[in-house]
Amino acid sequence: MTGAGVDDDEAAEDVPAAGWRAAARDRRVWAILAVVAFLLVCCCSTAAGTLLALSAGLFTAG
């Protein structure tokens, strides 16, 4: 039997919505963000070092 007047599409009033605040409290989210930031910094510094070495080689060769 279906309940009269019950709408399943509406959020329950007692249950808080899982949003950014709930995710920010989770340590796993911060750990994943730290790993992504570390990899981004490593990749960018490697690319910058490679470009610097290439440009230094071009200037000394000419």
N, C-alpha and C. Protein backbone atom coordinates (compact mmCIF):
# COMPACT_ATOMS: atom_id res chain seq x y z
N MET A 1 0.83 -1.16 0.00
CA MET A 1 0.00 0.00 0.00
C MET A 1 0.89 1.25 0.00
N THR A 2 0.54 2.24 -0.78
CA THR A 2 1.33 3.46 -0.79
C THR A 2 0.74 4.44 0.21
N GLY A 3 1.61 5.19 0.86
CA GLY A 3 1.15 6.16 1.84
C GLY A 3 0.56 7.38 1.16
N ALA A 4 -0.58 7.78 1.60
CA ALA A 4 -1.23 8.95 1.00
C ALA A 4 -0.54 10.22 1.49
N GLY A 5 -0.20 11.09 0.56
CA GLY A 5 0.42 12.36 0.92
C GLY A 5 1.92 12.28 1.13
N VAL A 6 2.54 11.14 0.85
CA VAL A 6 3.98 11.00 1.02
C VAL A 6 4.64 11.18 -0.33
N ASP A 7 5.56 12.12 -0.40
CA ASP A 7 6.28 12.40 -1.64
C ASP A 7 7.72 11.92 -1.49
N ASP A 8 8.11 10.93 -2.27
CA ASP A 8 9.44 10.36 -2.15
C ASP A 8 10.53 11.25 -2.75
N ASP A 9 10.14 12.25 -3.52
CA ASP A 9 11.13 13.11 -4.16
C ASP A 9 11.68 14.18 -3.22
N GLU A 10 10.99 14.48 -2.15
CA GLU A 10 11.45 15.50 -1.21
C GLU A 10 12.45 14.91 -0.23
N ALA A 11 13.43 15.73 0.17
CA ALA A 11 14.44 15.29 1.14
C ALA A 11 13.81 15.20 2.53
N ALA A 12 14.28 14.26 3.31
CA ALA A 12 13.80 14.13 4.67
C ALA A 12 14.28 15.31 5.50
N GLU A 13 13.45 15.78 6.40
CA GLU A 13 13.80 16.95 7.19
C GLU A 13 14.86 16.64 8.24
N ASP A 14 14.89 15.42 8.77
CA ASP A 14 15.82 15.07 9.83
C ASP A 14 17.21 14.74 9.30
N VAL A 15 17.32 14.39 8.03
CA VAL A 15 18.60 13.96 7.47
C VAL A 15 19.29 15.16 6.82
N PRO A 16 20.50 15.51 7.30
CA PRO A 16 21.20 16.64 6.68
C PRO A 16 21.69 16.27 5.28
N ALA A 17 21.69 17.25 4.41
CA ALA A 17 22.15 17.02 3.04
C ALA A 17 23.66 16.83 3.03
N ALA A 18 24.11 15.85 2.27
CA ALA A 18 25.55 15.61 2.14
C ALA A 18 26.09 16.65 1.16
N GLY A 19 26.82 17.59 1.67
CA GLY A 19 27.33 18.67 0.83
C GLY A 19 28.81 18.88 1.04
N TRP A 20 29.24 20.10 0.75
CA TRP A 20 30.66 20.44 0.86
C TRP A 20 31.13 20.40 2.30
N ARG A 21 30.28 20.78 3.23
CA ARG A 21 30.70 20.77 4.64
C ARG A 21 30.97 19.36 5.14
N ALA A 22 30.12 18.42 4.74
CA ALA A 22 30.32 17.04 5.15
C ALA A 22 31.58 16.47 4.51
N ALA A 23 31.83 16.83 3.27
CA ALA A 23 33.03 16.34 2.58
C ALA A 23 34.28 16.95 3.18
N ALA A 24 34.21 18.22 3.60
CA ALA A 24 35.37 18.89 4.16
C ALA A 24 35.77 18.31 5.51
N ARG A 25 34.83 17.69 6.19
CA ARG A 25 35.14 17.07 7.48
C ARG A 25 35.78 15.70 7.32
N ASP A 26 35.73 15.15 6.13
CA ASP A 26 36.26 13.81 5.90
C ASP A 26 37.76 13.89 5.63
N ARG A 27 38.55 13.17 6.39
CA ARG A 27 40.01 13.20 6.24
C ARG A 27 40.46 12.59 4.93
N ARG A 28 39.68 11.66 4.38
CA ARG A 28 40.07 11.05 3.11
C ARG A 28 40.06 12.06 1.98
N VAL A 29 39.12 12.99 2.02
CA VAL A 29 39.05 14.03 0.98
C VAL A 29 40.31 14.89 1.03
N TRP A 30 40.73 15.27 2.24
CA TRP A 30 41.94 16.09 2.38
C TRP A 30 43.18 15.31 1.98
N ALA A 31 43.21 14.01 2.26
CA ALA A 31 44.35 13.20 1.85
C ALA A 31 44.44 13.11 0.32
N ILE A 32 43.32 12.93 -0.33
CA ILE A 32 43.30 12.86 -1.80
C ILE A 32 43.71 14.21 -2.39
N LEU A 33 43.21 15.31 -1.83
CA LEU A 33 43.59 16.63 -2.31
C LEU A 33 45.08 16.90 -2.11
N ALA A 34 45.64 16.42 -1.01
CA ALA A 34 47.07 16.60 -0.76
C ALA A 34 47.90 15.83 -1.78
N VAL A 35 47.49 14.62 -2.10
CA VAL A 35 48.22 13.82 -3.10
C VAL A 35 48.13 14.48 -4.47
N VAL A 36 46.96 14.96 -4.84
CA VAL A 36 46.79 15.62 -6.14
C VAL A 36 47.64 16.89 -6.20
N ALA A 37 47.65 17.68 -5.13
CA ALA A 37 48.46 18.90 -5.10
C ALA A 37 49.94 18.57 -5.19
N PHE A 38 50.38 17.53 -4.50
CA PHE A 38 51.79 17.11 -4.55
C PHE A 38 52.18 16.69 -5.96
N LEU A 39 51.34 15.90 -6.61
CA LEU A 39 51.64 15.47 -7.98
C LEU A 39 51.65 16.64 -8.95
N LEU A 40 50.75 17.58 -8.75
CA LEU A 40 50.70 18.76 -9.61
C LEU A 40 51.96 19.61 -9.47
N VAL A 41 52.41 19.79 -8.24
CA VAL A 41 53.63 20.57 -7.99
C VAL A 41 54.84 19.85 -8.59
N CYS A 42 54.90 18.54 -8.43
CA CYS A 42 56.04 17.79 -8.99
C CYS A 42 56.05 17.87 -10.52
N CYS A 43 54.91 17.71 -11.14
CA CYS A 43 54.84 17.76 -12.61
C CYS A 43 55.19 19.15 -13.13
N CYS A 44 54.68 20.17 -12.47
CA CYS A 44 54.95 21.54 -12.93
C CYS A 44 56.42 21.90 -12.73
N SER A 45 57.02 21.49 -11.63
CA SER A 45 58.43 21.81 -11.41
C SER A 45 59.32 21.04 -12.37
N THR A 46 58.94 19.82 -12.70
CA THR A 46 59.71 19.05 -13.68
C THR A 46 59.62 19.70 -15.06
N ALA A 47 58.44 20.13 -15.44
CA ALA A 47 58.27 20.78 -16.74
C ALA A 47 59.04 22.10 -16.78
N ALA A 48 58.99 22.86 -15.70
CA ALA A 48 59.71 24.13 -15.65
C ALA A 48 61.22 23.89 -15.70
N GLY A 49 61.70 22.89 -15.00
CA GLY A 49 63.13 22.57 -15.03
C GLY A 49 63.58 22.12 -16.41
N THR A 50 62.77 21.35 -17.07
CA THR A 50 63.09 20.90 -18.42
C THR A 50 63.16 22.07 -19.39
N LEU A 51 62.18 22.96 -19.30
CA LEU A 51 62.19 24.15 -20.17
C LEU A 51 63.39 25.04 -19.87
N LEU A 52 63.74 25.18 -18.61
CA LEU A 52 64.90 25.99 -18.24
C LEU A 52 66.19 25.37 -18.77
N ALA A 53 66.31 24.06 -18.65
CA ALA A 53 67.50 23.39 -19.17
C ALA A 53 67.58 23.49 -20.68
N LEU A 54 66.46 23.36 -21.36
CA LEU A 54 66.46 23.49 -22.82
C LEU A 54 66.84 24.90 -23.25
N SER A 55 66.27 25.89 -22.57
CA SER A 55 66.59 27.27 -22.95
C SER A 55 68.03 27.61 -22.63
N ALA A 56 68.56 27.11 -21.54
CA ALA A 56 69.97 27.34 -21.20
C ALA A 56 70.87 26.69 -22.24
N GLY A 57 70.50 25.51 -22.69
CA GLY A 57 71.28 24.82 -23.72
C GLY A 57 71.24 25.55 -25.05
N LEU A 58 70.10 26.13 -25.37
CA LEU A 58 69.98 26.88 -26.62
C LEU A 58 70.81 28.17 -26.58
N PHE A 59 70.85 28.81 -25.41
CA PHE A 59 71.60 30.06 -25.30
C PHE A 59 73.11 29.80 -25.32
N THR A 60 73.54 28.71 -24.70
CA THR A 60 74.98 28.43 -24.68
C THR A 60 75.46 27.85 -26.01
N ALA A 61 74.58 27.21 -26.77
CA ALA A 61 74.98 26.64 -28.06
C ALA A 61 75.12 27.72 -29.13
N GLY A 62 74.41 28.84 -28.98
CA GLY A 62 74.43 29.88 -30.00
C GLY A 62 75.50 30.82 -29.74
